[in-house]
Amino acid sequence: MGRGFPTLLALLLVTVAFQFSPCAAQQVKTSYTQFAFHLPLPDGVTGAESLAFDASNHGPYTGVSDGRVLRWGGGAVGWTTFAHHGNYRFNTEIMMNADATARLLKYDAQTKRVTVLRAGLPYANGVAVSHDGTHVVVAHTVPCQVFRYWIKGPKAGVYELFADLPGYPDNVRRDAKGGYWVALNQEKFRLNAAAAAPVKHLVGVRINGDGVEVEELTGAKGVTLSEVTEKDGKLWLGSVELDYVGLVA
């Protein structure tokens, strides 16, 4: 063999070791919401805080600032009133007072009983059941974290950290790949006046089934999200501050 063979072999081994190293950083995809299609809400209301589809794939449904729950009926119908609750209100004081009285509850539709699974939670603000039904994930706004509560298996009853987030989450929803979409109402450094201006404005992230960030959503300056819902390959975007629902195809 030539004298250069050991050197070539060493280079190959280094390359292979790097490619399969668990420390190698995972590529995070960036998706842009600035060009989302807008579905204007009725005049005078804002705050499509949450979005949901029914079992017949109708919707989405969303709650807005005047207490109504609206249903989207397509371009020809637009938004119609589905329900109304007169006591709708915002709870920004929860963050200001560092409230930690939230609870994770389980409702049994057959027995109509409610069970407290976890109490004393700081600003719990979104729950999603995993694709396999073994656990639920809970978004915590003030700690900028997502936790996981195991409902089945050997770890049943354990409440553990699932992901640290680059901002303050508002709602969490399952994606189509076994992970979750988390809307970000604010980025962490936006509360620090001395921090340098960010190069990009994050409004949401996708984390996989292991709690690793795999995709980020960016938006126009000043835009915040409180909901990212994936349906049939499209992203539906809601915000407590905007007067429209965004749609990214």
Protein backbone atom coordinates (compact mmCIF):
# COMPACT_ATOMS: atom_id res chain seq x y z
CA MET A 1 0.00 0.00 0.00
CA GLY A 2 1.14 3.58 -0.63
CA ARG A 3 2.46 5.72 2.22
CA GLY A 4 -0.55 8.02 1.85
CA PHE A 5 -3.06 5.27 2.68
CA PRO A 6 -2.88 5.64 6.51
CA THR A 7 -3.52 9.39 6.19
CA LEU A 8 -6.48 8.87 3.86
CA LEU A 9 -7.90 6.21 6.19
CA ALA A 10 -7.58 8.55 9.16
CA LEU A 11 -9.43 11.31 7.31
CA LEU A 12 -12.23 8.93 6.38
CA LEU A 13 -12.57 7.78 9.97
CA VAL A 14 -12.73 11.37 11.23
CA THR A 15 -15.41 12.22 8.64
CA VAL A 16 -17.54 9.19 9.51
CA ALA A 17 -17.15 9.83 13.24
CA PHE A 18 -18.35 13.43 12.79
CA GLN A 19 -21.35 12.45 10.70
CA PHE A 20 -22.56 9.94 13.26
CA SER A 21 -21.55 11.84 16.38
CA PRO A 22 -24.49 12.45 18.77
CA CYS A 23 -23.05 15.90 19.39
CA ALA A 24 -23.45 16.98 15.76
CA ALA A 25 -25.97 19.84 15.61
CA GLN A 26 -29.29 19.04 13.97
CA GLN A 27 -30.27 21.31 11.11
CA VAL A 28 -33.25 23.49 12.03
CA LYS A 29 -35.53 24.38 9.13
CA THR A 30 -36.75 27.98 8.87
CA SER A 31 -40.23 28.68 7.48
CA TYR A 32 -41.64 32.14 6.84
CA THR A 33 -45.13 33.31 7.77
CA GLN A 34 -44.80 36.85 6.43
CA PHE A 35 -46.60 35.87 3.23
CA ALA A 36 -49.43 33.93 4.85
CA PHE A 37 -52.88 34.33 3.34
CA HIS A 38 -55.13 36.42 5.62
CA LEU A 39 -58.69 35.44 6.59
CA PRO A 40 -60.04 38.68 8.14
CA LEU A 41 -62.14 38.34 11.29
CA PRO A 42 -65.47 40.20 11.58
CA ASP A 43 -65.18 43.95 12.12
CA GLY A 44 -64.30 45.03 15.63
CA VAL A 45 -62.85 41.78 16.98
CA THR A 46 -59.36 40.40 17.42
CA GLY A 47 -57.83 37.44 19.12
CA ALA A 48 -58.07 34.16 17.26
CA GLU A 49 -56.32 32.70 20.28
CA SER A 50 -57.00 29.02 19.55
CA LEU A 51 -58.04 27.10 16.44
CA ALA A 52 -59.73 23.70 16.20
CA PHE A 53 -61.46 21.49 13.63
CA ASP A 54 -64.40 19.21 14.41
CA ALA A 55 -64.71 15.48 13.72
CA SER A 56 -66.17 16.22 10.28
CA ASN A 57 -63.18 18.41 9.37
CA HIS A 58 -65.30 21.56 9.47
CA GLY A 59 -63.69 24.74 10.66
CA PRO A 60 -61.54 26.01 12.02
CA TYR A 61 -63.39 27.26 15.08
CA THR A 62 -61.86 30.07 17.12
CA GLY A 63 -62.64 32.22 20.13
CA VAL A 64 -62.39 36.00 19.68
CA SER A 65 -62.23 39.11 21.85
CA ASP A 66 -65.98 39.74 22.19
CA GLY A 67 -66.66 36.31 23.69
CA ARG A 68 -67.92 34.57 20.57
CA VAL A 69 -66.70 31.28 19.12
CA LEU A 70 -66.61 31.64 15.33
CA ARG A 71 -66.60 28.98 12.63
CA TRP A 72 -64.95 29.37 9.24
CA GLY A 73 -67.26 28.19 6.44
CA GLY A 74 -64.98 28.79 3.47
CA GLY A 75 -64.56 31.79 1.23
CA ALA A 76 -68.22 31.91 0.17
CA VAL A 77 -69.59 31.83 3.74
CA GLY A 78 -66.81 33.37 5.80
CA TRP A 79 -67.03 33.51 9.59
CA THR A 80 -70.29 32.69 11.37
CA THR A 81 -71.12 32.70 15.09
CA PHE A 82 -71.09 29.19 16.56
CA ALA A 83 -71.32 29.97 20.29
CA HIS A 84 -71.03 32.84 22.74
CA HIS A 85 -69.70 33.22 26.26
CA GLY A 86 -70.11 36.57 27.97
CA ASN A 87 -67.34 36.11 30.52
CA TYR A 88 -64.42 35.94 28.08
CA ARG A 89 -61.42 37.84 29.44
CA PHE A 90 -57.64 38.07 29.14
CA ASN A 91 -55.38 37.07 32.01
CA THR A 92 -52.15 39.02 31.51
CA GLU A 93 -51.94 39.43 35.29
CA ILE A 94 -50.91 35.77 35.52
CA MET A 95 -47.51 36.59 34.07
CA MET A 96 -47.12 39.80 36.06
CA ASN A 97 -47.79 38.01 39.37
CA ALA A 98 -45.75 34.86 38.57
CA ASP A 99 -48.86 32.79 39.24
CA ALA A 100 -48.26 29.08 39.85
CA THR A 101 -51.75 27.78 40.58
CA ALA A 102 -52.48 26.07 37.27
CA ARG A 103 -53.58 22.42 37.18
CA LEU A 104 -53.49 19.60 34.66
CA LEU A 105 -56.93 17.97 34.61
CA LYS A 106 -58.37 14.80 33.12
CA TYR A 107 -62.06 14.61 32.22
CA ASP A 108 -63.78 11.25 31.85
CA ALA A 109 -66.66 11.72 29.40
CA GLN A 110 -68.37 8.51 30.53
CA THR A 111 -68.34 9.09 34.28
CA LYS A 112 -68.27 12.90 33.92
CA ARG A 113 -65.59 13.06 36.59
CA VAL A 114 -62.59 15.36 36.65
CA THR A 115 -59.26 14.20 38.08
CA VAL A 116 -56.41 16.53 39.03
CA LEU A 117 -53.24 15.03 37.57
CA ARG A 118 -50.88 17.82 38.57
CA ALA A 119 -51.26 21.01 40.59
CA GLY A 120 -49.14 24.07 41.37
CA LEU A 121 -48.04 24.58 37.78
CA PRO A 122 -46.58 27.92 36.59
CA TYR A 123 -48.64 29.53 33.83
CA ALA A 124 -49.72 26.32 32.07
CA ASN A 125 -50.91 27.52 28.67
CA GLY A 126 -51.62 24.65 26.28
CA VAL A 127 -52.01 20.86 26.36
CA ALA A 128 -51.66 18.22 23.63
CA VAL A 129 -52.01 14.45 23.79
CA SER A 130 -49.19 12.52 22.11
CA HIS A 131 -49.81 10.60 18.89
CA ASP A 132 -49.52 7.25 20.66
CA GLY A 133 -51.58 8.31 23.69
CA THR A 134 -48.82 7.55 26.20
CA HIS A 135 -48.35 11.09 27.47
CA VAL A 136 -49.48 14.69 27.23
CA VAL A 137 -47.29 17.73 26.77
CA VAL A 138 -47.97 20.99 28.60
CA ALA A 139 -46.69 24.40 27.52
CA HIS A 140 -45.56 26.72 30.34
CA THR A 141 -45.43 30.35 29.27
CA VAL A 142 -43.30 32.03 31.92
CA PRO A 143 -40.56 29.36 32.20
CA CYS A 144 -40.44 29.13 28.37
CA GLN A 145 -40.65 25.35 28.60
CA VAL A 146 -42.73 22.34 27.61
CA PHE A 147 -43.21 19.50 30.09
CA ARG A 148 -44.36 15.93 29.54
CA TYR A 149 -46.77 14.04 31.79
CA TRP A 150 -46.81 10.27 31.32
CA ILE A 151 -50.30 8.74 31.45
CA LYS A 152 -49.29 5.19 30.49
CA GLY A 153 -46.32 2.84 30.84
CA PRO A 154 -43.66 2.42 33.54
CA LYS A 155 -43.28 6.21 33.96
CA ALA A 156 -47.01 6.87 34.45
CA GLY A 157 -47.49 9.88 36.71
CA VAL A 158 -44.04 11.36 36.05
CA TYR A 159 -43.93 15.06 35.10
CA GLU A 160 -40.65 15.91 33.38
CA LEU A 161 -39.03 18.62 31.27
CA PHE A 162 -39.58 17.95 27.58
CA ALA A 163 -38.13 21.04 25.85
CA ASP A 164 -36.64 24.45 26.51
CA LEU A 165 -38.02 27.08 24.14
CA PRO A 166 -36.60 30.27 22.60
CA GLY A 167 -39.69 32.23 23.62
CA TYR A 168 -42.90 32.35 25.65
CA PRO A 169 -45.28 29.65 24.40
CA ASP A 170 -49.00 30.08 23.92
CA ASN A 171 -50.65 26.79 22.98
CA VAL A 172 -49.16 23.55 21.71
CA ARG A 173 -50.59 21.30 19.00
CA ARG A 174 -49.62 17.98 17.46
CA ASP A 175 -48.01 18.10 14.04
CA ALA A 176 -48.22 15.47 11.29
CA LYS A 177 -44.83 13.93 12.03
CA GLY A 178 -45.12 12.72 15.60
CA GLY A 179 -44.07 16.02 17.17
CA TYR A 180 -45.64 19.34 18.11
CA TRP A 181 -46.07 22.93 16.98
CA VAL A 182 -45.63 25.58 19.68
CA ALA A 183 -46.72 29.17 19.07
CA LEU A 184 -44.51 31.87 20.60
CA ASN A 185 -46.21 34.97 21.94
CA GLN A 186 -42.87 36.66 22.57
CA GLU A 187 -39.20 35.85 22.21
CA LYS A 188 -37.18 35.66 25.43
CA PHE A 189 -35.01 38.67 24.71
CA ARG A 190 -37.92 40.93 23.83
CA LEU A 191 -38.48 41.49 27.55
CA ASN A 192 -34.87 42.68 27.91
CA ALA A 193 -34.60 46.25 26.67
CA ALA A 194 -30.80 46.10 26.60
CA ALA A 195 -30.66 43.08 24.31
CA ALA A 196 -29.52 43.49 20.72
CA ALA A 197 -32.18 43.46 18.02
CA PRO A 198 -32.65 39.92 16.63
CA VAL A 199 -31.81 39.10 13.03
CA LYS A 200 -35.09 37.23 12.66
CA HIS A 201 -38.36 37.34 14.59
CA LEU A 202 -39.48 33.94 15.86
CA VAL A 203 -43.22 33.31 16.18
CA GLY A 204 -43.30 29.51 16.54
CA VAL A 205 -41.27 26.32 16.62
CA ARG A 206 -41.78 22.67 15.76
CA ILE A 207 -40.30 20.11 18.15
CA ASN A 208 -40.06 16.41 17.37
CA GLY A 209 -41.17 13.49 19.52
CA ASP A 210 -37.95 13.73 21.53
CA GLY A 211 -38.40 17.42 22.35
CA VAL A 212 -35.75 18.60 19.87
CA GLU A 213 -36.43 21.75 17.83
CA VAL A 214 -36.50 20.87 14.14
CA GLU A 215 -38.24 23.86 12.56
CA GLU A 216 -38.80 27.52 13.34
CA LEU A 217 -41.41 29.96 12.10
CA THR A 218 -40.50 33.59 11.54
CA GLY A 219 -42.84 36.52 11.13
CA ALA A 220 -42.91 40.24 10.47
CA LYS A 221 -41.75 42.51 13.26
CA GLY A 222 -44.49 43.15 15.79
CA VAL A 223 -46.47 40.02 14.92
CA THR A 224 -46.99 37.45 17.67
CA LEU A 225 -48.74 34.09 17.50
CA SER A 226 -50.84 32.23 20.02
CA GLU A 227 -51.71 29.25 17.82
CA VAL A 228 -50.13 27.08 15.12
CA THR A 229 -52.40 24.28 13.91
CA GLU A 230 -51.44 21.89 11.11
CA LYS A 231 -54.24 20.51 8.94
CA ASP A 232 -53.84 18.67 5.62
CA GLY A 233 -50.37 20.05 5.03
CA LYS A 234 -51.36 23.64 5.81
CA LEU A 235 -50.59 25.80 8.84
CA TRP A 236 -53.38 27.83 10.40
CA LEU A 237 -52.08 30.74 12.49
CA GLY A 238 -53.91 32.59 15.24
CA SER A 239 -52.99 35.52 17.47
CA VAL A 240 -54.67 37.33 20.35
CA GLU A 241 -53.46 40.63 18.89
CA LEU A 242 -54.40 40.34 15.22
CA ASP A 243 -57.72 40.80 13.41
CA TYR A 244 -57.22 37.90 11.01
CA VAL A 245 -56.31 34.21 10.86
CA GLY A 246 -53.23 33.36 8.81
CA LEU A 247 -52.99 30.41 6.42
CA VAL A 248 -49.70 29.04 5.09
CA ALA A 249 -50.10 26.46 2.32
